[in-house]
Amino acid sequence: MSETHWVDWNKNTQSKDYRGSGSFSTFIIIGPVCFFLGILFAQFPYDFPLLWTSEPAQAAYYDFLEAHVKFLHASPPTISRILNIVIFVGLLGFFMKLFRPAESNVLFDGASLILYVIGVGVYTSNIVKGMRTITAGIWDMENFAGIKHDGPVSGEVVLGREDTMKVLSASNTILAMVLVGVLVLQAGQWYAESKEKDDFSKGEKKDKKNGGQQQQQHQQQQQQQPQQVEDKKSQ
């Protein structure tokens, strides 16, 4: 079985070069994740009538939501650039933590990176594409009638207006769950490090206690040896 060379198996949570939950790289991971969760929380009132209630949404609400999505998609290019920068800052944090990683980094940060990449995929493939579709207004075309499938065998499936908005809202929910998963894994890493630190300190105290007892026994033996020699001479 081949050894994994890119993992530093000699590194642990007590090493000086260990990048754990208290490192700067963790900060630039949690920062972008919380930033995007804040954006999704601000979007939640618009998604709630579509997903989280049994009452059907009115046609006027779809008109309102369509106008809202078009307004978001028509934001200045600076907004999208800031979002892309924040995404790459999060990726930079993962790459920093996974450079010559310890076993803890592989388990927690590796899984967090997988979730983060899934979140980026949901954002680019579902959310951005859904906003572009809504902005294009293809449902207003004369030749559009319900669900459309481009291509004879395989191709792009174009949903109706209501279904597209529901998919967009569901994608926001999926993205929020994925980002919460990243925070849970980072919190799990912090908990594992604190437990290992407690176990390490307990082991040190136990070693010091055992070392002190052995030293006392050694001193007692040294004190008993002259007395035993004197007793033998007297006999």
C-alpha atoms as a PDB file:
ATOM      1  CA  MET A   1       0.000   0.000   0.000  1.00  0.00           C
ATOM      2  CA  SER A   2       1.597   3.255  -1.104  1.00  0.00           C
ATOM      3  CA  GLU A   3       2.237   5.964   1.460  1.00  0.00           C
ATOM      4  CA  THR A   4       0.577   9.351   0.997  1.00  0.00           C
ATOM      5  CA  HIS A   5       3.529  11.732   0.653  1.00  0.00           C
ATOM      6  CA  TRP A   6       1.565  14.989   0.590  1.00  0.00           C
ATOM      7  CA  VAL A   7       0.318  14.397   4.144  1.00  0.00           C
ATOM      8  CA  ASP A   8       2.730  15.182   6.986  1.00  0.00           C
ATOM      9  CA  TRP A   9       2.047  12.251   9.307  1.00  0.00           C
ATOM     10  CA  ASN A  10       4.545  13.574  11.884  1.00  0.00           C
ATOM     11  CA  LYS A  11       2.516  16.761  12.338  1.00  0.00           C
ATOM     12  CA  ASN A  12      -0.153  16.918  15.052  1.00  0.00           C
ATOM     13  CA  THR A  13      -2.253  19.553  16.761  1.00  0.00           C
ATOM     14  CA  GLN A  14       0.652  20.409  19.097  1.00  0.00           C
ATOM     15  CA  SER A  15       3.079  21.165  16.257  1.00  0.00           C
ATOM     16  CA  LYS A  16       4.167  24.760  15.724  1.00  0.00           C
ATOM     17  CA  ASP A  17       3.415  24.742  11.997  1.00  0.00           C
ATOM     18  CA  TYR A  18      -0.017  23.142  12.434  1.00  0.00           C
ATOM     19  CA  ARG A  19      -2.790  25.254  10.871  1.00  0.00           C
ATOM     20  CA  GLY A  20      -5.813  24.430  12.977  1.00  0.00           C
ATOM     21  CA  SER A  21      -9.070  26.070  13.987  1.00  0.00           C
ATOM     22  CA  GLY A  22      -7.319  29.069  15.524  1.00  0.00           C
ATOM     23  CA  SER A  23      -5.210  29.916  12.468  1.00  0.00           C
ATOM     24  CA  PHE A  24      -5.625  32.821  10.067  1.00  0.00           C
ATOM     25  CA  SER A  25      -6.511  30.413   7.260  1.00  0.00           C
ATOM     26  CA  THR A  26      -9.564  29.279   9.238  1.00  0.00           C
ATOM     27  CA  PHE A  27     -10.622  32.910   9.560  1.00  0.00           C
ATOM     28  CA  ILE A  28     -10.528  33.464   5.792  1.00  0.00           C
ATOM     29  CA  ILE A  29     -12.622  30.302   5.367  1.00  0.00           C
ATOM     30  CA  ILE A  30     -15.316  31.141   7.902  1.00  0.00           C
ATOM     31  CA  GLY A  31     -15.514  34.774   6.759  1.00  0.00           C
ATOM     32  CA  PRO A  32     -16.669  34.049   3.167  1.00  0.00           C
ATOM     33  CA  VAL A  33     -18.966  31.245   4.347  1.00  0.00           C
ATOM     34  CA  CYS A  34     -20.740  33.563   6.801  1.00  0.00           C
ATOM     35  CA  PHE A  35     -20.816  36.288   4.143  1.00  0.00           C
ATOM     36  CA  PHE A  36     -22.720  34.063   1.713  1.00  0.00           C
ATOM     37  CA  LEU A  37     -24.988  32.743   4.461  1.00  0.00           C
ATOM     38  CA  GLY A  38     -25.936  36.342   5.196  1.00  0.00           C
ATOM     39  CA  ILE A  39     -26.847  36.897   1.549  1.00  0.00           C
ATOM     40  CA  LEU A  40     -28.938  33.710   1.513  1.00  0.00           C
ATOM     41  CA  PHE A  41     -30.671  34.730   4.744  1.00  0.00           C
ATOM     42  CA  ALA A  42     -31.613  38.047   3.138  1.00  0.00           C
ATOM     43  CA  GLN A  43     -33.042  36.062   0.210  1.00  0.00           C
ATOM     44  CA  PHE A  44     -35.040  33.732   2.476  1.00  0.00           C
ATOM     45  CA  PRO A  45     -38.209  35.921   2.683  1.00  0.00           C
ATOM     46  CA  TYR A  46     -38.489  35.694  -1.100  1.00  0.00           C
ATOM     47  CA  ASP A  47     -38.004  31.898  -1.108  1.00  0.00           C
ATOM     48  CA  PHE A  48     -40.342  31.153   1.792  1.00  0.00           C
ATOM     49  CA  PRO A  49     -43.677  31.367  -0.101  1.00  0.00           C
ATOM     50  CA  LEU A  50     -42.392  28.964  -2.760  1.00  0.00           C
ATOM     51  CA  LEU A  51     -40.932  26.207  -0.583  1.00  0.00           C
ATOM     52  CA  TRP A  52     -41.895  26.516   3.071  1.00  0.00           C
ATOM     53  CA  THR A  53     -45.652  26.954   2.995  1.00  0.00           C
ATOM     54  CA  SER A  54     -48.473  24.769   1.741  1.00  0.00           C
ATOM     55  CA  GLU A  55     -50.452  27.701   0.383  1.00  0.00           C
ATOM     56  CA  PRO A  56     -49.965  28.201  -3.373  1.00  0.00           C
ATOM     57  CA  ALA A  57     -48.244  31.412  -4.394  1.00  0.00           C
ATOM     58  CA  GLN A  58     -50.328  33.940  -6.242  1.00  0.00           C
ATOM     59  CA  ALA A  59     -49.545  34.944  -9.807  1.00  0.00           C
ATOM     60  CA  ALA A  60     -48.803  38.477  -8.615  1.00  0.00           C
ATOM     61  CA  TYR A  61     -46.080  37.101  -6.337  1.00  0.00           C
ATOM     62  CA  TYR A  62     -44.313  35.474  -9.284  1.00  0.00           C
ATOM     63  CA  ASP A  63     -44.373  38.823 -11.067  1.00  0.00           C
ATOM     64  CA  PHE A  64     -42.884  40.468  -7.980  1.00  0.00           C
ATOM     65  CA  LEU A  65     -40.213  37.760  -7.591  1.00  0.00           C
ATOM     66  CA  GLU A  66     -39.327  37.963 -11.285  1.00  0.00           C
ATOM     67  CA  ALA A  67     -38.798  41.714 -10.975  1.00  0.00           C
ATOM     68  CA  HIS A  68     -36.660  41.141  -7.869  1.00  0.00           C
ATOM     69  CA  VAL A  69     -34.442  38.557  -9.592  1.00  0.00           C
ATOM     70  CA  LYS A  70     -34.036  40.787 -12.649  1.00  0.00           C
ATOM     71  CA  PHE A  71     -33.009  43.645 -10.360  1.00  0.00           C
ATOM     72  CA  LEU A  72     -30.384  41.449  -8.675  1.00  0.00           C
ATOM     73  CA  HIS A  73     -29.039  40.176 -11.988  1.00  0.00           C
ATOM     74  CA  ALA A  74     -28.800  43.738 -13.313  1.00  0.00           C
ATOM     75  CA  SER A  75     -26.441  44.722 -10.480  1.00  0.00           C
ATOM     76  CA  PRO A  76     -23.247  46.566 -11.457  1.00  0.00           C
ATOM     77  CA  PRO A  77     -20.283  44.394 -12.472  1.00  0.00           C
ATOM     78  CA  THR A  78     -18.533  45.420  -9.253  1.00  0.00           C
ATOM     79  CA  ILE A  79     -20.986  43.297  -7.262  1.00  0.00           C
ATOM     80  CA  SER A  80     -20.234  40.107  -9.189  1.00  0.00           C
ATOM     81  CA  ARG A  81     -16.505  40.807  -8.974  1.00  0.00           C
ATOM     82  CA  ILE A  82     -16.723  41.158  -5.208  1.00  0.00           C
ATOM     83  CA  LEU A  83     -18.606  37.850  -5.001  1.00  0.00           C
ATOM     84  CA  ASN A  84     -15.937  36.131  -7.118  1.00  0.00           C
ATOM     85  CA  ILE A  85     -13.165  37.598  -4.958  1.00  0.00           C
ATOM     86  CA  VAL A  86     -14.853  36.367  -1.788  1.00  0.00           C
ATOM     87  CA  ILE A  87     -15.233  32.881  -3.314  1.00  0.00           C
ATOM     88  CA  PHE A  88     -11.520  32.740  -4.162  1.00  0.00           C
ATOM     89  CA  VAL A  89     -10.587  34.023  -0.690  1.00  0.00           C
ATOM     90  CA  GLY A  90     -12.378  31.008   0.792  1.00  0.00           C
ATOM     91  CA  LEU A  91     -10.561  28.675  -1.599  1.00  0.00           C
ATOM     92  CA  LEU A  92      -7.259  30.314  -0.643  1.00  0.00           C
ATOM     93  CA  GLY A  93      -7.961  29.543   2.998  1.00  0.00           C
ATOM     94  CA  PHE A  94      -8.521  25.870   2.196  1.00  0.00           C
ATOM     95  CA  PHE A  95      -5.332  25.681   0.124  1.00  0.00           C
ATOM     96  CA  MET A  96      -3.379  27.254   2.993  1.00  0.00           C
ATOM     97  CA  LYS A  97      -4.701  24.727   5.503  1.00  0.00           C
ATOM     98  CA  LEU A  98      -4.160  21.788   3.148  1.00  0.00           C
ATOM     99  CA  PHE A  99      -0.523  22.641   2.318  1.00  0.00           C
ATOM    100  CA  ARG A 100       1.529  19.873   3.972  1.00  0.00           C
ATOM    101  CA  PRO A 101      -1.519  19.016   6.076  1.00  0.00           C
ATOM    102  CA  ALA A 102      -1.788  16.981   9.230  1.00  0.00           C
ATOM    103  CA  GLU A 103      -4.270  14.134   9.519  1.00  0.00           C
ATOM    104  CA  SER A 104      -6.800  16.475  11.153  1.00  0.00           C
ATOM    105  CA  ASN A 105      -6.559  18.864   8.181  1.00  0.00           C
ATOM    106  CA  VAL A 106      -7.180  16.035   5.734  1.00  0.00           C
ATOM    107  CA  LEU A 107     -10.284  14.856   7.582  1.00  0.00           C
ATOM    108  CA  PHE A 108     -11.979  18.135   8.474  1.00  0.00           C
ATOM    109  CA  ASP A 109     -10.602  20.635   5.956  1.00  0.00           C
ATOM    110  CA  GLY A 110     -10.654  18.130   3.096  1.00  0.00           C
ATOM    111  CA  ALA A 111     -14.338  17.415   3.693  1.00  0.00           C
ATOM    112  CA  SER A 112     -15.019  21.144   4.087  1.00  0.00           C
ATOM    113  CA  LEU A 113     -13.324  21.833   0.749  1.00  0.00           C
ATOM    114  CA  ILE A 114     -15.506  19.221  -0.952  1.00  0.00           C
ATOM    115  CA  LEU A 115     -18.652  20.887   0.422  1.00  0.00           C
ATOM    116  CA  TYR A 116     -17.350  24.310  -0.559  1.00  0.00           C
ATOM    117  CA  VAL A 117     -16.706  23.182  -4.144  1.00  0.00           C
ATOM    118  CA  ILE A 118     -20.212  21.669  -4.256  1.00  0.00           C
ATOM    119  CA  GLY A 119     -21.558  25.039  -3.115  1.00  0.00           C
ATOM    120  CA  VAL A 120     -19.639  26.832  -5.867  1.00  0.00           C
ATOM    121  CA  GLY A 121     -21.081  24.353  -8.379  1.00  0.00           C
ATOM    122  CA  VAL A 122     -24.639  24.976  -7.164  1.00  0.00           C
ATOM    123  CA  TYR A 123     -24.050  28.717  -7.395  1.00  0.00           C
ATOM    124  CA  THR A 124     -22.665  28.684 -10.934  1.00  0.00           C
ATOM    125  CA  SER A 125     -24.861  25.979 -12.463  1.00  0.00           C
ATOM    126  CA  ASN A 126     -28.220  26.659 -10.803  1.00  0.00           C
ATOM    127  CA  ILE A 127     -28.383  30.122  -9.278  1.00  0.00           C
ATOM    128  CA  VAL A 128     -26.485  32.153 -11.884  1.00  0.00           C
ATOM    129  CA  LYS A 129     -28.019  30.214 -14.747  1.00  0.00           C
ATOM    130  CA  GLY A 130     -31.507  30.567 -13.266  1.00  0.00           C
ATOM    131  CA  MET A 131     -31.078  34.330 -12.896  1.00  0.00           C
ATOM    132  CA  ARG A 132     -29.935  34.584 -16.505  1.00  0.00           C
ATOM    133  CA  THR A 133     -32.937  32.575 -17.678  1.00  0.00           C
ATOM    134  CA  ILE A 134     -35.356  34.741 -15.716  1.00  0.00           C
ATOM    135  CA  THR A 135     -33.730  37.926 -17.002  1.00  0.00           C
ATOM    136  CA  ALA A 136     -33.917  36.681 -20.596  1.00  0.00           C
ATOM    137  CA  GLY A 137     -37.686  36.295 -20.247  1.00  0.00           C
ATOM    138  CA  ILE A 138     -37.931  33.346 -22.633  1.00  0.00           C
ATOM    139  CA  TRP A 139     -41.462  32.628 -21.403  1.00  0.00           C
ATOM    140  CA  ASP A 140     -42.698  35.747 -23.163  1.00  0.00           C
ATOM    141  CA  MET A 141     -41.689  34.365 -26.557  1.00  0.00           C
ATOM    142  CA  GLU A 142     -44.475  33.251 -28.856  1.00  0.00           C
ATOM    143  CA  ASN A 143     -43.009  29.821 -29.616  1.00  0.00           C
ATOM    144  CA  PHE A 144     -42.511  28.878 -25.925  1.00  0.00           C
ATOM    145  CA  ALA A 145     -45.109  26.533 -24.452  1.00  0.00           C
ATOM    146  CA  GLY A 146     -44.376  24.941 -21.102  1.00  0.00           C
ATOM    147  CA  ILE A 147     -41.349  22.703 -20.558  1.00  0.00           C
ATOM    148  CA  LYS A 148     -38.940  22.754 -23.469  1.00  0.00           C
ATOM    149  CA  HIS A 149     -36.082  20.374 -24.302  1.00  0.00           C
ATOM    150  CA  ASP A 150     -33.395  21.663 -26.649  1.00  0.00           C
ATOM    151  CA  GLY A 151     -31.803  18.938 -28.761  1.00  0.00           C
ATOM    152  CA  PRO A 152     -33.123  15.683 -30.279  1.00  0.00           C
ATOM    153  CA  VAL A 153     -31.683  13.340 -27.651  1.00  0.00           C
ATOM    154  CA  SER A 154     -29.732  15.335 -25.091  1.00  0.00           C
ATOM    155  CA  GLY A 155     -29.612  19.017 -24.409  1.00  0.00           C
ATOM    156  CA  GLU A 156     -30.784  21.736 -22.101  1.00  0.00           C
ATOM    157  CA  VAL A 157     -34.140  21.476 -20.344  1.00  0.00           C
ATOM    158  CA  VAL A 158     -35.915  24.816 -20.050  1.00  0.00           C
ATOM    159  CA  LEU A 159     -38.647  24.900 -17.396  1.00  0.00           C
ATOM    160  CA  GLY A 160     -41.595  27.204 -17.083  1.00  0.00           C
ATOM    161  CA  ARG A 161     -41.432  30.453 -15.157  1.00  0.00           C
ATOM    162  CA  GLU A 162     -42.884  29.105 -11.900  1.00  0.00           C
ATOM    163  CA  ASP A 163     -40.741  25.956 -11.948  1.00  0.00           C
ATOM    164  CA  THR A 164     -37.600  27.939 -12.701  1.00  0.00           C
ATOM    165  CA  MET A 165     -38.223  30.196  -9.709  1.00  0.00           C
ATOM    166  CA  LYS A 166     -38.841  27.178  -7.488  1.00  0.00           C
ATOM    167  CA  VAL A 167     -35.596  25.582  -8.645  1.00  0.00           C
ATOM    168  CA  LEU A 168     -33.796  28.843  -7.928  1.00  0.00           C
ATOM    169  CA  SER A 169     -35.259  28.967  -4.416  1.00  0.00           C
ATOM    170  CA  ALA A 170     -34.397  25.304  -3.815  1.00  0.00           C
ATOM    171  CA  SER A 171     -30.836  25.976  -4.970  1.00  0.00           C
ATOM    172  CA  ASN A 172     -30.555  28.758  -2.402  1.00  0.00           C
ATOM    173  CA  THR A 173     -31.654  26.322   0.303  1.00  0.00           C
ATOM    174  CA  ILE A 174     -29.205  23.636  -0.851  1.00  0.00           C
ATOM    175  CA  LEU A 175     -26.380  26.164  -0.915  1.00  0.00           C
ATOM    176  CA  ALA A 176     -27.238  27.311   2.612  1.00  0.00           C
ATOM    177  CA  MET A 177     -27.192  23.717   3.892  1.00  0.00           C
ATOM    178  CA  VAL A 178     -23.826  23.064   2.228  1.00  0.00           C
ATOM    179  CA  LEU A 179     -22.306  26.198   3.791  1.00  0.00           C
ATOM    180  CA  VAL A 180     -23.688  25.268   7.210  1.00  0.00           C
ATOM    181  CA  GLY A 181     -22.003  21.892   6.737  1.00  0.00           C
ATOM    182  CA  VAL A 182     -18.671  23.690   6.259  1.00  0.00           C
ATOM    183  CA  LEU A 183     -19.188  25.555   9.540  1.00  0.00           C
ATOM    184  CA  VAL A 184     -20.112  22.314  11.325  1.00  0.00           C
ATOM    185  CA  LEU A 185     -16.914  20.634  10.111  1.00  0.00           C
ATOM    186  CA  GLN A 186     -14.799  23.592  11.199  1.00  0.00           C
ATOM    187  CA  ALA A 187     -16.487  23.534  14.601  1.00  0.00           C
ATOM    188  CA  GLY A 188     -15.844  19.783  14.766  1.00  0.00           C
ATOM    189  CA  GLN A 189     -12.159  20.418  14.114  1.00  0.00           C
ATOM    190  CA  TRP A 190     -12.059  22.932  16.968  1.00  0.00           C
ATOM    191  CA  TYR A 191     -13.764  20.436  19.300  1.00  0.00           C
ATOM    192  CA  ALA A 192     -11.384  17.627  18.314  1.00  0.00           C
ATOM    193  CA  GLU A 193      -8.388  19.898  18.892  1.00  0.00           C
ATOM    194  CA  SER A 194      -9.645  20.971  22.326  1.00  0.00           C
ATOM    195  CA  LYS A 195     -10.229  17.351  23.349  1.00  0.00           C
ATOM    196  CA  GLU A 196      -6.794  16.316  22.137  1.00  0.00           C
ATOM    197  CA  LYS A 197      -5.260  19.271  23.986  1.00  0.00           C
ATOM    198  CA  ASP A 198      -7.020  18.231  27.201  1.00  0.00           C
ATOM    199  CA  ASP A 199      -5.854  14.637  26.788  1.00  0.00           C
ATOM    200  CA  PHE A 200      -2.307  15.835  26.123  1.00  0.00           C
ATOM    201  CA  SER A 201      -2.277  18.025  29.251  1.00  0.00           C
ATOM    202  CA  LYS A 202      -3.695  15.175  31.341  1.00  0.00           C
ATOM    203  CA  GLY A 203      -0.994  12.859  30.000  1.00  0.00           C
ATOM    204  CA  GLU A 204       1.695  15.390  30.893  1.00  0.00           C
ATOM    205  CA  LYS A 205       0.356  15.742  34.431  1.00  0.00           C
ATOM    206  CA  LYS A 206       0.238  11.985  34.809  1.00  0.00           C
ATOM    207  CA  ASP A 207       3.813  11.637  33.528  1.00  0.00           C
ATOM    208  CA  LYS A 208       5.006  14.323  35.935  1.00  0.00           C
ATOM    209  CA  LYS A 209       3.216  12.604  38.795  1.00  0.00           C
ATOM    210  CA  ASN A 210       4.691   9.210  37.919  1.00  0.00           C
ATOM    211  CA  GLY A 211       8.121  10.799  37.452  1.00  0.00           C
ATOM    212  CA  GLY A 212       7.885  12.460  40.858  1.00  0.00           C
ATOM    213  CA  GLN A 213       6.920   9.180  42.509  1.00  0.00           C
ATOM    214  CA  GLN A 214       9.827   7.372  40.823  1.00  0.00           C
ATOM    215  CA  GLN A 215      12.216  10.111  41.957  1.00  0.00           C
ATOM    216  CA  GLN A 216      10.989   9.798  45.545  1.00  0.00           C
ATOM    217  CA  GLN A 217      11.433   6.032  45.442  1.00  0.00           C
ATOM    218  CA  HIS A 218      14.940   6.467  44.041  1.00  0.00           C
ATOM    219  CA  GLN A 219      15.837   8.912  46.805  1.00  0.00           C
ATOM    220  CA  GLN A 220      14.459   6.532  49.441  1.00  0.00           C
ATOM    221  CA  GLN A 221      16.546   3.696  47.995  1.00  0.00           C
ATOM    222  CA  GLN A 222      19.671   5.872  48.074  1.00  0.00           C
ATOM    223  CA  GLN A 223      18.962   6.769  51.703  1.00  0.00           C
ATOM    224  CA  GLN A 224      18.407   3.118  52.633  1.00  0.00           C
ATOM    225  CA  GLN A 225      21.642   1.862  51.034  1.00  0.00           C
ATOM    226  CA  PRO A 226      24.093   3.480  53.570  1.00  0.00           C
ATOM    227  CA  GLN A 227      21.924   2.245  56.431  1.00  0.00           C
ATOM    228  CA  GLN A 228      22.034  -1.289  55.060  1.00  0.00           C
ATOM    229  CA  VAL A 229      25.861  -1.105  54.727  1.00  0.00           C
ATOM    230  CA  GLU A 230      26.220   0.062  58.326  1.00  0.00           C
ATOM    231  CA  ASP A 231      23.974  -2.764  59.524  1.00  0.00           C
ATOM    232  CA  LYS A 232      26.111  -5.330  57.700  1.00  0.00           C
ATOM    233  CA  LYS A 233      29.319  -3.890  59.237  1.00  0.00           C
ATOM    234  CA  SER A 234      27.862  -3.992  62.732  1.00  0.00           C
ATOM    235  CA  GLN A 235      26.916  -7.637  62.276  1.00  0.00           C
END
